[in-house]
């Protein structure tokens, strides 16, 4: 019984500390944007909890995926140099899916998010020889929706939105 109580206290301490750290990261209290992105992409259960608490600060209800990403990147900056950026995007996908049930799963959100990041870099990168067309983008994400295709209208909207406005600005 005592062991279980001690475990619960330790867990609560972790839970409390993750909330405190997540709020400091969200408010950039003692952290720079790049610090936030790198910490949210760290491996391990503790950092997963920090990221979950961090993303709870965002309400993505009824927001398009690109609008939600812009909201996050406005706060944390771009993630081009972040090690394990895919892990950060996976954690974003979990929260987006909680708020917005238009996708089958958080995994689908994460996979599409990675493709949107690649599209963003292609369309707005300086040293890109060939800019991907909308049709090429749609072909690139074929079957990504848990084996099915996304509705072409949604993909066209995402493509056009990112073409017109990058997901993030290089600082």
N, C-alpha and C. Protein backbone atom coordinates (compact mmCIF):
# COMPACT_ATOMS: atom_id res chain seq x y z
N UNK A 1 0.83 -1.20 0.00
CA UNK A 1 0.00 0.00 0.00
C UNK A 1 0.87 1.26 0.00
N UNK A 2 1.89 1.28 0.86
CA UNK A 2 2.78 2.44 0.93
C UNK A 2 3.48 2.65 -0.41
N UNK A 3 3.92 1.54 -1.04
CA UNK A 3 4.61 1.63 -2.34
C UNK A 3 3.71 2.28 -3.38
N UNK A 4 2.45 1.87 -3.41
CA UNK A 4 1.50 2.44 -4.36
C UNK A 4 1.30 3.93 -4.09
N UNK A 5 1.20 4.31 -2.83
CA UNK A 5 1.03 5.72 -2.48
C UNK A 5 2.23 6.54 -2.91
N UNK A 6 3.43 6.02 -2.67
CA UNK A 6 4.65 6.71 -3.07
C UNK A 6 4.69 6.84 -4.59
N UNK A 7 4.31 5.77 -5.28
CA UNK A 7 4.27 5.82 -6.75
C UNK A 7 3.30 6.90 -7.22
N UNK A 8 2.13 6.97 -6.60
CA UNK A 8 1.15 7.98 -6.98
C UNK A 8 1.66 9.39 -6.73
N UNK A 9 2.34 9.60 -5.61
CA UNK A 9 2.91 10.90 -5.30
C UNK A 9 3.97 11.26 -6.33
N UNK A 10 4.82 10.30 -6.67
CA UNK A 10 5.85 10.56 -7.67
C UNK A 10 5.21 10.86 -9.02
N UNK A 11 4.18 10.10 -9.37
CA UNK A 11 3.50 10.34 -10.64
C UNK A 11 2.84 11.72 -10.63
N UNK A 12 2.18 12.06 -9.53
CA UNK A 12 1.55 13.37 -9.45
C UNK A 12 2.59 14.47 -9.57
N UNK A 13 3.74 14.26 -8.96
CA UNK A 13 4.81 15.24 -9.05
C UNK A 13 5.23 15.41 -10.50
N UNK A 14 5.38 14.30 -11.23
CA UNK A 14 5.69 14.39 -12.66
C UNK A 14 4.58 15.11 -13.40
N UNK A 15 3.34 14.77 -13.09
CA UNK A 15 2.21 15.40 -13.78
C UNK A 15 2.19 16.90 -13.50
N UNK A 16 2.43 17.27 -12.25
CA UNK A 16 2.46 18.69 -11.91
C UNK A 16 3.62 19.40 -12.59
N UNK A 17 4.78 18.77 -12.58
CA UNK A 17 5.95 19.41 -13.18
C UNK A 17 5.79 19.54 -14.69
N UNK A 18 5.13 18.56 -15.32
CA UNK A 18 4.92 18.67 -16.77
C UNK A 18 3.99 19.84 -17.09
N UNK A 19 2.97 20.04 -16.26
CA UNK A 19 2.06 21.18 -16.48
C UNK A 19 2.79 22.50 -16.33
N UNK A 20 3.61 22.59 -15.30
CA UNK A 20 4.36 23.83 -15.05
C UNK A 20 5.31 24.11 -16.21
N UNK A 21 6.07 23.09 -16.60
CA UNK A 21 7.02 23.27 -17.70
C UNK A 21 6.30 23.58 -19.01
N UNK A 22 5.22 22.88 -19.28
CA UNK A 22 4.46 23.11 -20.52
C UNK A 22 3.95 24.55 -20.58
N UNK A 23 3.47 25.06 -19.48
CA UNK A 23 2.98 26.45 -19.46
C UNK A 23 4.12 27.44 -19.64
N UNK A 24 5.28 27.14 -19.07
CA UNK A 24 6.44 28.01 -19.28
C UNK A 24 6.86 27.99 -20.75
N UNK A 25 6.83 26.83 -21.35
CA UNK A 25 7.17 26.72 -22.77
C UNK A 25 6.16 27.49 -23.62
N UNK A 26 4.89 27.32 -23.31
CA UNK A 26 3.83 27.97 -24.08
C UNK A 26 3.95 29.50 -23.99
N UNK A 27 4.29 29.98 -22.82
CA UNK A 27 4.40 31.43 -22.60
C UNK A 27 5.80 31.97 -22.89
N UNK A 28 6.68 31.11 -23.39
CA UNK A 28 8.08 31.48 -23.66
C UNK A 28 8.71 32.14 -22.44
N UNK A 29 8.40 31.58 -21.28
CA UNK A 29 8.90 32.09 -20.01
C UNK A 29 10.26 31.44 -19.73
N UNK A 30 11.33 32.12 -20.13
CA UNK A 30 12.68 31.58 -19.93
C UNK A 30 13.15 30.70 -21.06
N UNK A 31 12.38 30.62 -22.13
CA UNK A 31 12.72 29.77 -23.27
C UNK A 31 12.61 30.55 -24.58
N UNK A 32 13.44 30.18 -25.54
CA UNK A 32 13.35 30.71 -26.89
C UNK A 32 12.52 29.74 -27.72
N UNK A 33 12.04 30.22 -28.87
CA UNK A 33 11.22 29.38 -29.73
C UNK A 33 11.90 28.06 -30.07
N UNK A 34 13.18 28.13 -30.44
CA UNK A 34 13.89 26.90 -30.82
C UNK A 34 14.01 25.94 -29.64
N UNK A 35 14.17 26.48 -28.43
CA UNK A 35 14.20 25.63 -27.23
C UNK A 35 12.89 24.86 -27.11
N UNK A 36 11.80 25.57 -27.32
CA UNK A 36 10.47 24.96 -27.18
C UNK A 36 10.33 23.81 -28.17
N UNK A 37 10.65 24.07 -29.43
CA UNK A 37 10.52 23.03 -30.45
C UNK A 37 11.38 21.83 -30.12
N UNK A 38 12.61 22.06 -29.71
CA UNK A 38 13.51 20.95 -29.39
C UNK A 38 13.03 20.15 -28.18
N UNK A 39 12.53 20.82 -27.17
CA UNK A 39 12.04 20.11 -25.99
C UNK A 39 10.78 19.31 -26.29
N UNK A 40 9.90 19.87 -27.09
CA UNK A 40 8.67 19.15 -27.44
C UNK A 40 8.95 17.92 -28.30
N UNK A 41 10.12 17.89 -28.93
CA UNK A 41 10.48 16.76 -29.79
C UNK A 41 11.36 15.73 -29.08
N UNK A 42 11.62 15.93 -27.81
CA UNK A 42 12.46 14.97 -27.08
C UNK A 42 11.72 13.66 -26.87
N UNK A 43 12.52 12.59 -26.84
CA UNK A 43 11.95 11.26 -26.61
C UNK A 43 11.77 11.02 -25.12
N UNK A 44 10.85 10.12 -24.80
CA UNK A 44 10.63 9.71 -23.42
C UNK A 44 9.24 10.07 -22.93
N UNK A 45 8.80 9.30 -21.96
CA UNK A 45 7.46 9.48 -21.41
C UNK A 45 7.27 10.86 -20.81
N UNK A 46 8.26 11.35 -20.07
CA UNK A 46 8.14 12.67 -19.44
C UNK A 46 7.90 13.74 -20.50
N UNK A 47 8.69 13.71 -21.57
CA UNK A 47 8.57 14.73 -22.61
C UNK A 47 7.28 14.56 -23.41
N UNK A 48 6.79 13.35 -23.49
CA UNK A 48 5.49 13.12 -24.12
C UNK A 48 4.40 13.80 -23.29
N UNK A 49 4.52 13.69 -21.98
CA UNK A 49 3.54 14.33 -21.09
C UNK A 49 3.64 15.86 -21.18
N UNK A 50 4.88 16.37 -21.26
CA UNK A 50 5.07 17.82 -21.40
C UNK A 50 4.41 18.30 -22.69
N UNK A 51 4.66 17.58 -23.78
CA UNK A 51 4.08 17.96 -25.08
C UNK A 51 2.55 17.91 -25.03
N UNK A 52 2.01 16.88 -24.40
CA UNK A 52 0.55 16.77 -24.29
C UNK A 52 -0.02 17.97 -23.53
N UNK A 53 0.63 18.34 -22.44
CA UNK A 53 0.18 19.51 -21.67
C UNK A 53 0.35 20.79 -22.48
N UNK A 54 1.45 20.91 -23.19
CA UNK A 54 1.70 22.09 -24.03
C UNK A 54 0.59 22.25 -25.06
N UNK A 55 0.29 21.17 -25.77
CA UNK A 55 -0.71 21.25 -26.84
C UNK A 55 -2.13 21.43 -26.31
N UNK A 56 -2.36 21.15 -25.03
CA UNK A 56 -3.69 21.42 -24.45
C UNK A 56 -4.00 22.92 -24.45
N UNK A 57 -2.98 23.75 -24.58
CA UNK A 57 -3.19 25.19 -24.65
C UNK A 57 -3.84 25.62 -25.97
N UNK A 58 -3.90 24.72 -26.92
CA UNK A 58 -4.47 25.02 -28.23
C UNK A 58 -5.83 24.36 -28.37
N UNK A 59 -6.78 25.11 -28.88
CA UNK A 59 -8.08 24.54 -29.23
C UNK A 59 -8.18 24.57 -30.75
N UNK A 60 -8.05 23.41 -31.36
CA UNK A 60 -8.07 23.31 -32.82
C UNK A 60 -9.45 22.96 -33.36
N UNK A 61 -10.47 23.05 -32.53
CA UNK A 61 -11.82 22.71 -32.97
C UNK A 61 -12.20 23.51 -34.20
N UNK A 62 -12.72 22.82 -35.19
CA UNK A 62 -13.20 23.44 -36.43
C UNK A 62 -12.13 24.24 -37.18
N UNK A 63 -10.86 23.91 -36.95
CA UNK A 63 -9.77 24.57 -37.68
C UNK A 63 -9.21 23.61 -38.71
N UNK A 64 -8.87 24.16 -39.84
CA UNK A 64 -8.21 23.33 -40.85
C UNK A 64 -6.83 22.95 -40.33
N UNK A 65 -6.30 21.89 -40.88
CA UNK A 65 -5.00 21.38 -40.44
C UNK A 65 -3.91 22.43 -40.65
N UNK A 66 -3.92 23.10 -41.79
CA UNK A 66 -2.89 24.10 -42.05
C UNK A 66 -3.01 25.30 -41.11
N UNK A 67 -4.22 25.71 -40.78
CA UNK A 67 -4.42 26.83 -39.84
C UNK A 67 -3.91 26.45 -38.45
N UNK A 68 -4.17 25.22 -38.04
CA UNK A 68 -3.69 24.76 -36.74
C UNK A 68 -2.17 24.72 -36.70
N UNK A 69 -1.56 24.24 -37.78
CA UNK A 69 -0.10 24.21 -37.84
C UNK A 69 0.48 25.63 -37.78
N UNK A 70 -0.11 26.55 -38.50
CA UNK A 70 0.37 27.94 -38.47
C UNK A 70 0.31 28.50 -37.05
N UNK A 71 -0.75 28.17 -36.35
CA UNK A 71 -0.91 28.64 -34.97
C UNK A 71 0.24 28.13 -34.09
N UNK A 72 0.58 26.86 -34.25
CA UNK A 72 1.67 26.27 -33.47
C UNK A 72 3.01 26.88 -33.88
N UNK A 73 3.25 26.96 -35.19
CA UNK A 73 4.54 27.47 -35.66
C UNK A 73 4.73 28.95 -35.35
N UNK A 74 3.64 29.67 -35.23
CA UNK A 74 3.74 31.08 -34.83
C UNK A 74 4.36 31.17 -33.43
N UNK A 75 4.05 30.19 -32.61
CA UNK A 75 4.57 30.18 -31.25
C UNK A 75 5.97 29.58 -31.15
N UNK A 76 6.22 28.48 -31.87
CA UNK A 76 7.50 27.78 -31.70
C UNK A 76 8.48 28.01 -32.84
N UNK A 77 8.08 28.70 -33.89
CA UNK A 77 8.97 28.91 -35.03
C UNK A 77 9.01 27.68 -35.92
N UNK A 78 9.91 27.71 -36.89
CA UNK A 78 9.98 26.56 -37.80
C UNK A 78 10.76 25.43 -37.15
N UNK A 79 10.55 24.23 -37.65
CA UNK A 79 11.16 23.06 -37.01
C UNK A 79 12.15 22.37 -37.94
N UNK A 80 12.63 23.10 -38.94
CA UNK A 80 13.55 22.49 -39.91
C UNK A 80 14.78 21.88 -39.25
N UNK A 81 15.35 22.54 -38.26
CA UNK A 81 16.57 22.04 -37.63
C UNK A 81 16.34 21.19 -36.40
N UNK A 82 15.10 20.87 -36.12
CA UNK A 82 14.77 20.13 -34.89
C UNK A 82 14.97 18.64 -35.10
N UNK A 83 15.80 18.06 -34.23
CA UNK A 83 15.97 16.61 -34.26
C UNK A 83 14.66 15.99 -33.81
N UNK A 84 14.26 14.93 -34.45
CA UNK A 84 13.00 14.25 -34.14
C UNK A 84 11.78 15.14 -34.34
N UNK A 85 11.82 15.95 -35.40
CA UNK A 85 10.68 16.82 -35.72
C UNK A 85 9.42 15.99 -35.96
N UNK A 86 9.58 14.79 -36.50
CA UNK A 86 8.41 13.93 -36.74
C UNK A 86 7.70 13.58 -35.44
N UNK A 87 8.48 13.43 -34.37
CA UNK A 87 7.88 13.13 -33.07
C UNK A 87 7.06 14.33 -32.59
N UNK A 88 7.56 15.52 -32.80
CA UNK A 88 6.82 16.72 -32.44
C UNK A 88 5.52 16.78 -33.24
N UNK A 89 5.60 16.47 -34.53
CA UNK A 89 4.39 16.49 -35.37
C UNK A 89 3.41 15.39 -34.96
N UNK A 90 3.93 14.28 -34.51
CA UNK A 90 3.05 13.20 -34.02
C UNK A 90 2.29 13.68 -32.78
N UNK A 91 2.99 14.37 -31.91
CA UNK A 91 2.35 14.88 -30.69
C UNK A 91 1.33 15.97 -31.02
N UNK A 92 1.64 16.79 -32.01
CA UNK A 92 0.67 17.77 -32.50
C UNK A 92 -0.57 17.04 -33.03
N UNK A 93 -0.34 15.97 -33.80
CA UNK A 93 -1.43 15.21 -34.40
C UNK A 93 -2.39 14.64 -33.37
N UNK A 94 -1.85 14.22 -32.23
CA UNK A 94 -2.71 13.70 -31.16
C UNK A 94 -3.69 14.77 -30.68
N UNK A 95 -3.17 15.96 -30.47
CA UNK A 95 -4.04 17.04 -29.98
C UNK A 95 -5.02 17.49 -31.06
N UNK A 96 -4.53 17.61 -32.28
CA UNK A 96 -5.41 18.04 -33.37
C UNK A 96 -6.59 17.07 -33.49
N UNK A 97 -6.31 15.80 -33.42
CA UNK A 97 -7.35 14.77 -33.54
C UNK A 97 -8.33 14.83 -32.36
N UNK A 98 -7.82 15.15 -31.17
CA UNK A 98 -8.72 15.29 -30.01
C UNK A 98 -9.74 16.41 -30.24
N UNK A 99 -9.29 17.49 -30.84
CA UNK A 99 -10.14 18.67 -31.03
C UNK A 99 -10.98 18.60 -32.30
N UNK A 100 -10.53 17.84 -33.26
CA UNK A 100 -11.11 17.90 -34.59
C UNK A 100 -11.20 16.48 -35.14
N UNK A 101 -12.36 15.90 -35.11
CA UNK A 101 -12.54 14.48 -35.46
C UNK A 101 -12.74 14.24 -36.96
N UNK A 102 -12.31 15.14 -37.80
CA UNK A 102 -12.51 14.96 -39.24
C UNK A 102 -11.58 13.92 -39.84
N UNK A 103 -10.55 13.52 -39.10
CA UNK A 103 -9.62 12.50 -39.58
C UNK A 103 -9.85 11.18 -38.85
N UNK A 104 -9.50 10.09 -39.51
CA UNK A 104 -9.71 8.75 -38.96
C UNK A 104 -8.95 8.54 -37.66
N UNK A 105 -7.70 9.01 -37.62
CA UNK A 105 -6.86 8.78 -36.44
C UNK A 105 -5.78 9.85 -36.34
N UNK A 106 -5.15 9.90 -35.18
CA UNK A 106 -4.03 10.82 -34.97
C UNK A 106 -2.85 10.43 -35.85
N UNK A 107 -2.70 9.15 -36.13
CA UNK A 107 -1.61 8.69 -37.00
C UNK A 107 -1.79 9.26 -38.40
N UNK A 108 -3.01 9.25 -38.89
CA UNK A 108 -3.31 9.81 -40.21
C UNK A 108 -2.99 11.31 -40.21
N UNK A 109 -3.38 12.01 -39.15
CA UNK A 109 -3.08 13.44 -39.04
C UNK A 109 -1.57 13.65 -39.09
N UNK A 110 -0.83 12.86 -38.33
CA UNK A 110 0.62 13.01 -38.28
C UNK A 110 1.26 12.76 -39.64
N UNK A 111 0.82 11.72 -40.32
CA UNK A 111 1.37 11.41 -41.64
C UNK A 111 1.09 12.53 -42.64
N UNK A 112 -0.14 13.03 -42.63
CA UNK A 112 -0.47 14.12 -43.54
C UNK A 112 0.30 15.39 -43.17
N UNK A 113 0.49 15.62 -41.89
CA UNK A 113 1.24 16.79 -41.44
C UNK A 113 2.67 16.75 -41.95
N UNK A 114 3.30 15.59 -41.91
CA UNK A 114 4.67 15.45 -42.44
C UNK A 114 4.68 15.79 -43.93
N UNK A 115 3.68 15.32 -44.65
CA UNK A 115 3.59 15.62 -46.09
C UNK A 115 3.36 17.12 -46.32
N UNK A 116 2.57 17.75 -45.46
CA UNK A 116 2.33 19.19 -45.59
C UNK A 116 3.60 19.98 -45.33
N UNK A 117 4.41 19.51 -44.38
CA UNK A 117 5.70 20.16 -44.11
C UNK A 117 6.60 20.06 -45.34
N UNK A 118 6.63 18.89 -45.95
CA UNK A 118 7.45 18.71 -47.16
C UNK A 118 6.93 19.60 -48.29
N UNK A 119 5.61 19.68 -48.42
CA UNK A 119 5.01 20.56 -49.43
C UNK A 119 5.39 22.01 -49.17
N UNK A 120 5.29 22.43 -47.92
CA UNK A 120 5.66 23.80 -47.55
C UNK A 120 7.11 24.09 -47.94
N UNK A 121 8.01 23.18 -47.62
CA UNK A 121 9.42 23.37 -47.94
C UNK A 121 9.64 23.39 -49.44
N UNK A 122 8.89 22.58 -50.17
CA UNK A 122 9.03 22.55 -51.62
C UNK A 122 8.53 23.85 -52.24
N UNK A 123 7.38 24.30 -51.82
CA UNK A 123 6.78 25.49 -52.43
C UNK A 123 7.48 26.79 -52.04
N UNK A 124 8.08 26.81 -50.87
CA UNK A 124 8.66 28.07 -50.37
C UNK A 124 10.17 28.02 -50.18
N UNK A 125 10.77 26.87 -50.47
CA UNK A 125 12.22 26.76 -50.36
C UNK A 125 12.91 27.52 -51.48
N UNK A 126 14.06 28.06 -51.18
CA UNK A 126 14.79 28.88 -52.16
C UNK A 126 15.51 28.03 -53.20
N UNK A 127 16.02 26.89 -52.81
CA UNK A 127 16.83 26.09 -53.72
C UNK A 127 16.08 24.85 -54.21
N UNK A 128 14.88 25.06 -54.68
CA UNK A 128 14.06 23.96 -55.17
C UNK A 128 13.92 24.12 -56.68
N UNK A 129 14.36 23.11 -57.41
CA UNK A 129 14.31 23.17 -58.88
C UNK A 129 12.89 22.98 -59.41
N UNK A 130 12.15 22.07 -58.80
CA UNK A 130 10.81 21.74 -59.30
C UNK A 130 9.79 21.93 -58.18
N UNK A 131 8.87 22.85 -58.38
CA UNK A 131 7.78 23.05 -57.42
C UNK A 131 6.68 22.03 -57.71
N UNK A 132 6.24 21.35 -56.68
CA UNK A 132 5.22 20.32 -56.81
C UNK A 132 3.89 20.96 -57.21
N UNK A 133 3.22 20.35 -58.16
CA UNK A 133 1.88 20.82 -58.56
C UNK A 133 0.85 20.23 -57.60
N UNK A 134 -0.34 20.76 -57.66
CA UNK A 134 -1.43 20.25 -56.82
C UNK A 134 -1.70 18.78 -57.14
N UNK A 135 -1.73 18.44 -58.41
CA UNK A 135 -1.97 17.04 -58.80
C UNK A 135 -0.87 16.12 -58.28
N UNK A 136 0.37 16.58 -58.33
CA UNK A 136 1.49 15.77 -57.81
C UNK A 136 1.37 15.59 -56.30
N UNK A 137 0.94 16.64 -55.61
CA UNK A 137 0.74 16.54 -54.17
C UNK A 137 -0.35 15.53 -53.85
N UNK A 138 -1.46 15.60 -54.56
CA UNK A 138 -2.57 14.66 -54.34
C UNK A 138 -2.10 13.23 -54.58
N UNK A 139 -1.30 13.03 -55.61
CA UNK A 139 -0.76 11.70 -55.90
C UNK A 139 0.19 11.25 -54.80
N UNK A 140 0.95 12.18 -54.25
CA UNK A 140 1.92 11.88 -53.20
C UNK A 140 1.26 11.38 -51.91
N UNK A 141 0.05 11.85 -51.64
CA UNK A 141 -0.63 11.45 -50.40
C UNK A 141 -1.70 10.38 -50.64
N UNK A 142 -1.72 9.82 -51.82
CA UNK A 142 -2.70 8.77 -52.13
C UNK A 142 -2.54 7.60 -51.17
N UNK A 143 -3.64 7.13 -50.63
CA UNK A 143 -3.64 5.98 -49.73
C UNK A 143 -3.22 6.30 -48.31
N UNK A 144 -2.89 7.54 -48.03
CA UNK A 144 -2.39 7.92 -46.71
C UNK A 144 -3.49 7.94 -45.65
N UNK A 145 -4.73 7.98 -46.08
CA UNK A 145 -5.86 8.05 -45.17
C UNK A 145 -6.27 6.64 -44.75
N UNK A 146 -5.37 5.98 -44.05
CA UNK A 146 -5.59 4.62 -43.57
C UNK A 146 -5.91 3.67 -44.73
N UNK A 147 -5.17 3.85 -45.83
CA UNK A 147 -5.35 3.01 -47.01
C UNK A 147 -6.25 3.61 -48.07
N UNK A 148 -7.03 4.58 -47.69
CA UNK A 148 -7.92 5.27 -48.63
C UNK A 148 -7.31 6.61 -49.03
N UNK A 149 -7.94 7.25 -49.99
CA UNK A 149 -7.52 8.58 -50.40
C UNK A 149 -8.32 9.64 -49.65
N UNK A 150 -7.69 10.79 -49.44
CA UNK A 150 -8.41 11.94 -48.89
C UNK A 150 -9.30 12.52 -49.98
N UNK A 151 -10.32 13.24 -49.58
CA UNK A 151 -11.17 13.93 -50.55
C UNK A 151 -10.31 14.94 -51.31
N UNK A 152 -10.34 14.90 -52.64
CA UNK A 152 -9.51 15.81 -53.43
C UNK A 152 -9.74 17.29 -53.11
N UNK A 153 -10.98 17.65 -52.79
CA UNK A 153 -11.27 19.05 -52.46
C UNK A 153 -10.50 19.52 -51.24
N UNK A 154 -10.41 18.66 -50.23
CA UNK A 154 -9.66 19.01 -49.01
C UNK A 154 -8.19 19.19 -49.34
N UNK A 155 -7.64 18.27 -50.12
CA UNK A 155 -6.22 18.36 -50.49
C UNK A 155 -5.94 19.59 -51.34
N UNK A 156 -6.86 19.92 -52.23
CA UNK A 156 -6.69 21.13 -53.06
C UNK A 156 -6.70 22.37 -52.19
N UNK A 157 -7.60 22.40 -51.21
CA UNK A 157 -7.67 23.55 -50.29
C UNK A 157 -6.37 23.67 -49.50
N UNK A 158 -5.86 22.55 -48.99
CA UNK A 158 -4.60 22.57 -48.24
C UNK A 158 -3.46 23.05 -49.13
N UNK A 159 -3.39 22.50 -50.33
CA UNK A 159 -2.32 22.88 -51.27
C UNK A 159 -2.37 24.39 -51.54
N UNK A 160 -3.53 24.89 -51.91
CA UNK A 160 -3.66 26.31 -52.26
C UNK A 160 -3.34 27.21 -51.07
N UNK A 161 -3.80 26.82 -49.91
CA UNK A 161 -3.55 27.60 -48.71
C UNK A 161 -2.05 27.70 -48.42
N UNK A 162 -1.35 26.57 -48.53
CA UNK A 162 0.09 26.56 -48.27
C UNK A 162 0.85 27.27 -49.39
N UNK A 163 0.36 27.15 -50.61
CA UNK A 163 1.01 27.84 -51.73
C UNK A 163 0.93 29.36 -51.52
N UNK A 164 -0.21 29.82 -51.05
CA UNK A 164 -0.41 31.26 -50.86
C UNK A 164 0.26 31.79 -49.60
N UNK A 165 0.28 30.96 -48.55
CA UNK A 165 0.84 31.40 -47.27
C UNK A 165 1.62 30.25 -46.64
N UNK A 166 2.93 30.42 -46.45
CA UNK A 166 3.72 29.34 -45.84
C UNK A 166 3.20 28.99 -44.45
N UNK A 167 3.48 27.77 -44.03
CA UNK A 167 3.09 27.34 -42.69
C UNK A 167 3.87 28.10 -41.63
N UNK A 168 5.09 28.49 -41.96
CA UNK A 168 5.93 29.26 -41.04
C UNK A 168 6.90 30.08 -41.86
N UNK A 169 7.41 31.10 -41.22
CA UNK A 169 8.41 31.95 -41.85
C UNK A 169 9.77 31.58 -41.30
N UNK A 170 10.77 31.62 -42.13
CA UNK A 170 12.14 31.41 -41.65
C UNK A 170 12.53 32.66 -40.87
N UNK A 171 13.14 32.45 -39.71
CA UNK A 171 13.55 33.63 -38.96
C UNK A 171 15.03 33.81 -38.99
